[in-house]
Amino acid sequence: SSLKPEDTAVYYCAARQGGGYSYY
């Protein structure tokens, strides 16, 4: 919501093999 011009990008989803998320 409240999208800004600086939000312009290609957005990707990703999945880990484990259940806890990573920052990397």
PDB file of all heavy atoms in Angstrom:
ATOM      1  N   SER A   1       0.835  -1.189   0.000  1.00  0.00           N
ATOM      2  CA  SER A   1       0.000   0.000   0.000  1.00  0.00           C
ATOM      3  C   SER A   1       0.874   1.243   0.000  1.00  0.00           C
ATOM      4  O   SER A   1       2.071   1.177   0.259  1.00  0.00           O
ATOM      5  CB  SER A   1      -0.941   0.007   1.211  1.00  0.00           C
ATOM      6  OG  SER A   1      -0.210   0.051   2.422  1.00  0.00           O
ATOM      7  N   SER A   2       0.254   2.385  -0.287  1.00  0.00           N
ATOM      8  CA  SER A   2       0.955   3.670  -0.317  1.00  0.00           C
ATOM      9  C   SER A   2       2.234   3.591  -1.137  1.00  0.00           C
ATOM     10  O   SER A   2       3.305   4.040  -0.710  1.00  0.00           O
ATOM     11  CB  SER A   2       1.260   4.142   1.112  1.00  0.00           C
ATOM     12  OG  SER A   2       0.076   4.267   1.872  1.00  0.00           O
ATOM     13  N   LEU A   3       2.122   3.034  -2.317  1.00  0.00           N
ATOM     14  CA  LEU A   3       3.300   2.793  -3.148  1.00  0.00           C
ATOM     15  C   LEU A   3       3.947   4.098  -3.597  1.00  0.00           C
ATOM     16  O   LEU A   3       3.269   5.092  -3.866  1.00  0.00           O
ATOM     17  CB  LEU A   3       2.927   1.943  -4.352  1.00  0.00           C
ATOM     18  CG  LEU A   3       2.691   0.471  -4.022  1.00  0.00           C
ATOM     19  CD1 LEU A   3       1.977  -0.235  -5.165  1.00  0.00           C
ATOM     20  CD2 LEU A   3       4.020  -0.223  -3.726  1.00  0.00           C
ATOM     21  N   LYS A   4       5.268   4.071  -3.667  1.00  0.00           N
ATOM     22  CA  LYS A   4       6.080   5.215  -4.040  1.00  0.00           C
ATOM     23  C   LYS A   4       6.891   4.885  -5.286  1.00  0.00           C
ATOM     24  O   LYS A   4       7.145   3.717  -5.567  1.00  0.00           O
ATOM     25  CB  LYS A   4       7.050   5.572  -2.908  1.00  0.00           C
ATOM     26  CG  LYS A   4       6.424   5.719  -1.537  1.00  0.00           C
ATOM     27  CD  LYS A   4       7.507   5.890  -0.487  1.00  0.00           C
ATOM     28  CE  LYS A   4       6.943   5.927   0.904  1.00  0.00           C
ATOM     29  NZ  LYS A   4       8.018   6.040   1.926  1.00  0.00           N
ATOM     30  N   PRO A   5       7.331   5.901  -6.036  1.00  0.00           N
ATOM     31  CA  PRO A   5       8.175   5.624  -7.200  1.00  0.00           C
ATOM     32  C   PRO A   5       9.412   4.794  -6.867  1.00  0.00           C
ATOM     33  O   PRO A   5       9.835   3.970  -7.688  1.00  0.00           O
ATOM     34  CB  PRO A   5       8.558   7.023  -7.694  1.00  0.00           C
ATOM     35  CG  PRO A   5       7.408   7.869  -7.296  1.00  0.00           C
ATOM     36  CD  PRO A   5       6.964   7.324  -5.957  1.00  0.00           C
ATOM     37  N   GLU A   6       9.984   4.969  -5.682  1.00  0.00           N
ATOM     38  CA  GLU A   6      11.157   4.207  -5.300  1.00  0.00           C
ATOM     39  C   GLU A   6      10.864   2.738  -5.025  1.00  0.00           C
ATOM     40  O   GLU A   6      11.791   1.951  -4.813  1.00  0.00           O
ATOM     41  CB  GLU A   6      11.859   4.843  -4.091  1.00  0.00           C
ATOM     42  CG  GLU A   6      10.926   5.155  -2.943  1.00  0.00           C
ATOM     43  CD  GLU A   6      10.467   6.606  -2.930  1.00  0.00           C
ATOM     44  OE1 GLU A   6      10.048   7.109  -3.992  1.00  0.00           O
ATOM     45  OE2 GLU A   6      10.529   7.242  -1.859  1.00  0.00           O
ATOM     46  N   ASP A   7       9.588   2.345  -5.017  1.00  0.00           N
ATOM     47  CA  ASP A   7       9.228   0.939  -4.910  1.00  0.00           C
ATOM     48  C   ASP A   7       9.329   0.218  -6.247  1.00  0.00           C
ATOM     49  O   ASP A   7       9.158  -1.008  -6.305  1.00  0.00           O
ATOM     50  CB  ASP A   7       7.807   0.778  -4.366  1.00  0.00           C
ATOM     51  CG  ASP A   7       7.670   1.245  -2.923  1.00  0.00           C
ATOM     52  OD1 ASP A   7       8.583   0.987  -2.121  1.00  0.00           O
ATOM     53  OD2 ASP A   7       6.634   1.870  -2.602  1.00  0.00           O
ATOM     54  N   THR A   8       9.576   0.945  -7.320  1.00  0.00           N
ATOM     55  CA  THR A   8       9.689   0.350  -8.642  1.00  0.00           C
ATOM     56  C   THR A   8      10.844  -0.644  -8.682  1.00  0.00           C
ATOM     57  O   THR A   8      11.991  -0.293  -8.386  1.00  0.00           O
ATOM     58  CB  THR A   8       9.889   1.428  -9.704  1.00  0.00           C
ATOM     59  OG1 THR A   8       8.732   2.275  -9.750  1.00  0.00           O
ATOM     60  CG2 THR A   8      10.101   0.810 -11.077  1.00  0.00           C
ATOM     61  N   ALA A   9      10.552  -1.888  -9.039  1.00  0.00           N
ATOM     62  CA  ALA A   9      11.554  -2.948  -9.046  1.00  0.00           C
ATOM     63  C   ALA A   9      10.908  -4.226  -9.554  1.00  0.00           C
ATOM     64  O   ALA A   9       9.689  -4.304  -9.730  1.00  0.00           O
ATOM     65  CB  ALA A   9      12.121  -3.179  -7.644  1.00  0.00           C
ATOM     66  N   VAL A  10      11.741  -5.232  -9.782  1.00  0.00           N
ATOM     67  CA  VAL A  10      11.247  -6.581  -9.992  1.00  0.00           C
ATOM     68  C   VAL A  10      11.145  -7.248  -8.630  1.00  0.00           C
ATOM     69  O   VAL A  10      12.106  -7.238  -7.857  1.00  0.00           O
ATOM     70  CB  VAL A  10      12.164  -7.395 -10.924  1.00  0.00           C
ATOM     71  CG1 VAL A  10      11.653  -8.825 -11.062  1.00  0.00           C
ATOM     72  CG2 VAL A  10      12.250  -6.727 -12.288  1.00  0.00           C
ATOM     73  N   TYR A  11       9.993  -7.818  -8.334  1.00  0.00           N
ATOM     74  CA  TYR A  11       9.745  -8.454  -7.056  1.00  0.00           C
ATOM     75  C   TYR A  11       9.793  -9.968  -7.215  1.00  0.00           C
ATOM     76  O   TYR A  11       9.167 -10.531  -8.115  1.00  0.00           O
ATOM     77  CB  TYR A  11       8.388  -8.026  -6.495  1.00  0.00           C
ATOM     78  CG  TYR A  11       8.405  -6.625  -5.941  1.00  0.00           C
ATOM     79  CD1 TYR A  11       8.523  -5.529  -6.783  1.00  0.00           C
ATOM     80  CD2 TYR A  11       8.321  -6.399  -4.563  1.00  0.00           C
ATOM     81  CE1 TYR A  11       8.562  -4.236  -6.276  1.00  0.00           C
ATOM     82  CE2 TYR A  11       8.354  -5.116  -4.050  1.00  0.00           C
ATOM     83  CZ  TYR A  11       8.476  -4.035  -4.913  1.00  0.00           C
ATOM     84  OH  TYR A  11       8.506  -2.762  -4.401  1.00  0.00           O
ATOM     85  N   TYR A  12      10.542 -10.620  -6.331  1.00  0.00           N
ATOM     86  CA  TYR A  12      10.739 -12.058  -6.373  1.00  0.00           C
ATOM     87  C   TYR A  12      10.251 -12.710  -5.089  1.00  0.00           C
ATOM     88  O   TYR A  12      10.456 -12.167  -4.005  1.00  0.00           O
ATOM     89  CB  TYR A  12      12.225 -12.404  -6.511  1.00  0.00           C
ATOM     90  CG  TYR A  12      12.892 -11.888  -7.761  1.00  0.00           C
ATOM     91  CD1 TYR A  12      13.477 -10.631  -7.791  1.00  0.00           C
ATOM     92  CD2 TYR A  12      12.965 -12.676  -8.902  1.00  0.00           C
ATOM     93  CE1 TYR A  12      14.112 -10.156  -8.928  1.00  0.00           C
ATOM     94  CE2 TYR A  12      13.597 -12.211 -10.041  1.00  0.00           C
ATOM     95  CZ  TYR A  12      14.173 -10.950 -10.045  1.00  0.00           C
ATOM     96  OH  TYR A  12      14.804 -10.489 -11.175  1.00  0.00           O
ATOM     97  N   CYS A  13       9.653 -13.877  -5.207  1.00  0.00           N
ATOM     98  CA  CYS A  13       9.414 -14.694  -4.026  1.00  0.00           C
ATOM     99  C   CYS A  13      10.459 -15.795  -3.976  1.00  0.00           C
ATOM    100  O   CYS A  13      11.023 -16.200  -4.991  1.00  0.00           O
ATOM    101  CB  CYS A  13       7.996 -15.275  -3.992  1.00  0.00           C
ATOM    102  SG  CYS A  13       7.629 -16.523  -5.240  1.00  0.00           S
ATOM    103  N   ALA A  14      10.729 -16.267  -2.771  1.00  0.00           N
ATOM    104  CA  ALA A  14      11.759 -17.273  -2.570  1.00  0.00           C
ATOM    105  C   ALA A  14      11.380 -18.181  -1.415  1.00  0.00           C
ATOM    106  O   ALA A  14      10.641 -17.782  -0.512  1.00  0.00           O
ATOM    107  CB  ALA A  14      13.113 -16.610  -2.291  1.00  0.00           C
ATOM    108  N   ALA A  15      11.900 -19.396  -1.442  1.00  0.00           N
ATOM    109  CA  ALA A  15      11.638 -20.381  -0.402  1.00  0.00           C
ATOM    110  C   ALA A  15      12.937 -20.988   0.097  1.00  0.00           C
ATOM    111  O   ALA A  15      13.828 -21.306  -0.694  1.00  0.00           O
ATOM    112  CB  ALA A  15      10.712 -21.475  -0.923  1.00  0.00           C
ATOM    113  N   ARG A  16      13.033 -21.141   1.400  1.00  0.00           N
ATOM    114  CA  ARG A  16      14.137 -21.880   2.004  1.00  0.00           C
ATOM    115  C   ARG A  16      13.802 -23.355   2.064  1.00  0.00           C
ATOM    116  O   ARG A  16      12.653 -23.762   1.876  1.00  0.00           O
ATOM    117  CB  ARG A  16      14.423 -21.379   3.418  1.00  0.00           C
ATOM    118  CG  ARG A  16      14.915 -19.966   3.522  1.00  0.00           C
ATOM    119  CD  ARG A  16      15.573 -19.752   4.878  1.00  0.00           C
ATOM    120  NE  ARG A  16      16.867 -20.415   4.945  1.00  0.00           N
ATOM    121  CZ  ARG A  16      17.512 -20.705   6.075  1.00  0.00           C
ATOM    122  NH1 ARG A  16      16.970 -20.405   7.246  1.00  0.00           N
ATOM    123  NH2 ARG A  16      18.701 -21.285   6.029  1.00  0.00           N
ATOM    124  N   GLN A  17      14.791 -24.157   2.364  1.00  0.00           N
ATOM    125  CA  GLN A  17      14.569 -25.570   2.607  1.00  0.00           C
ATOM    126  C   GLN A  17      14.226 -25.831   4.066  1.00  0.00           C
ATOM    127  O   GLN A  17      13.740 -26.915   4.399  1.00  0.00           O
ATOM    128  CB  GLN A  17      15.790 -26.385   2.178  1.00  0.00           C
ATOM    129  CG  GLN A  17      16.020 -26.362   0.676  1.00  0.00           C
ATOM    130  CD  GLN A  17      17.189 -27.207   0.241  1.00  0.00           C
ATOM    131  OE1 GLN A  17      18.317 -26.993   0.683  1.00  0.00           O
ATOM    132  NE2 GLN A  17      16.918 -28.173  -0.616  1.00  0.00           N
ATOM    133  N   GLY A  18      14.450 -24.860   4.931  1.00  0.00           N
ATOM    134  CA  GLY A  18      14.101 -24.974   6.334  1.00  0.00           C
ATOM    135  C   GLY A  18      12.903 -24.120   6.689  1.00  0.00           C
ATOM    136  O   GLY A  18      12.407 -23.338   5.885  1.00  0.00           O
ATOM    137  N   GLY A  19      12.442 -24.253   7.917  1.00  0.00           N
ATOM    138  CA  GLY A  19      11.229 -23.581   8.343  1.00  0.00           C
ATOM    139  C   GLY A  19      11.415 -22.186   8.903  1.00  0.00           C
ATOM    140  O   GLY A  19      10.444 -21.429   8.996  1.00  0.00           O
ATOM    141  N   GLY A  20      12.638 -21.821   9.291  1.00  0.00           N
ATOM    142  CA  GLY A  20      12.925 -20.502   9.809  1.00  0.00           C
ATOM    143  C   GLY A  20      13.471 -19.584   8.732  1.00  0.00           C
ATOM    144  O   GLY A  20      14.296 -20.001   7.926  1.00  0.00           O
ATOM    145  N   TYR A  21      13.027 -18.318   8.711  1.00  0.00           N
ATOM    146  CA  TYR A  21      13.461 -17.426   7.644  1.00  0.00           C
ATOM    147  C   TYR A  21      14.866 -16.902   7.883  1.00  0.00           C
ATOM    148  O   TYR A  21      15.391 -16.917   8.991  1.00  0.00           O
ATOM    149  CB  TYR A  21      12.479 -16.260   7.455  1.00  0.00           C
ATOM    150  CG  TYR A  21      12.284 -15.359   8.656  1.00  0.00           C
ATOM    151  CD1 TYR A  21      13.244 -14.438   9.031  1.00  0.00           C
ATOM    152  CD2 TYR A  21      11.106 -15.414   9.384  1.00  0.00           C
ATOM    153  CE1 TYR A  21      13.050 -13.599  10.119  1.00  0.00           C
ATOM    154  CE2 TYR A  21      10.898 -14.576  10.467  1.00  0.00           C
ATOM    155  CZ  TYR A  21      11.874 -13.671  10.832  1.00  0.00           C
ATOM    156  OH  TYR A  21      11.672 -12.838  11.910  1.00  0.00           O
ATOM    157  N   SER A  22      15.477 -16.445   6.805  1.00  0.00           N
ATOM    158  CA  SER A  22      16.805 -15.859   6.826  1.00  0.00           C
ATOM    159  C   SER A  22      16.744 -14.454   6.260  1.00  0.00           C
ATOM    160  O   SER A  22      15.853 -14.126   5.471  1.00  0.00           O
ATOM    161  CB  SER A  22      17.780 -16.699   6.000  1.00  0.00           C
ATOM    162  OG  SER A  22      19.016 -16.042   5.834  1.00  0.00           O
ATOM    163  N   TYR A  23      17.709 -13.604   6.660  1.00  0.00           N
ATOM    164  CA  TYR A  23      17.807 -12.254   6.123  1.00  0.00           C
ATOM    165  C   TYR A  23      18.593 -12.198   4.823  1.00  0.00           C
ATOM    166  O   TYR A  23      18.645 -11.142   4.192  1.00  0.00           O
ATOM    167  CB  TYR A  23      18.488 -11.332   7.137  1.00  0.00           C
ATOM    168  CG  TYR A  23      17.804 -11.284   8.485  1.00  0.00           C
ATOM    169  CD1 TYR A  23      18.473 -11.680   9.627  1.00  0.00           C
ATOM    170  CD2 TYR A  23      16.493 -10.834   8.608  1.00  0.00           C
ATOM    171  CE1 TYR A  23      17.854 -11.635  10.867  1.00  0.00           C
ATOM    172  CE2 TYR A  23      15.868 -10.790   9.838  1.00  0.00           C
ATOM    173  CZ  TYR A  23      16.559 -11.190  10.970  1.00  0.00           C
ATOM    174  OH  TYR A  23      15.940 -11.135  12.198  1.00  0.00           O
ATOM    175  N   TYR A  24      19.172 -13.305   4.397  1.00  0.00           N
ATOM    176  CA  TYR A  24      20.132 -13.308   3.301  1.00  0.00           C
ATOM    177  C   TYR A  24      19.612 -14.074   2.096  1.00  0.00           C
ATOM    178  O   TYR A  24      19.165 -15.217   2.212  1.00  0.00           O
ATOM    179  CB  TYR A  24      21.462 -13.894   3.765  1.00  0.00           C
ATOM    180  CG  TYR A  24      21.969 -13.232   5.019  1.00  0.00           C
ATOM    181  CD1 TYR A  24      21.901 -13.869   6.248  1.00  0.00           C
ATOM    182  CD2 TYR A  24      22.496 -11.940   4.970  1.00  0.00           C
ATOM    183  CE1 TYR A  24      22.344 -13.244   7.402  1.00  0.00           C
ATOM    184  CE2 TYR A  24      22.940 -11.314   6.123  1.00  0.00           C
ATOM    185  CZ  TYR A  24      22.860 -11.968   7.336  1.00  0.00           C
ATOM    186  OH  TYR A  24      23.291 -11.350   8.473  1.00  0.00           O
TER     187      TYR A  24
END
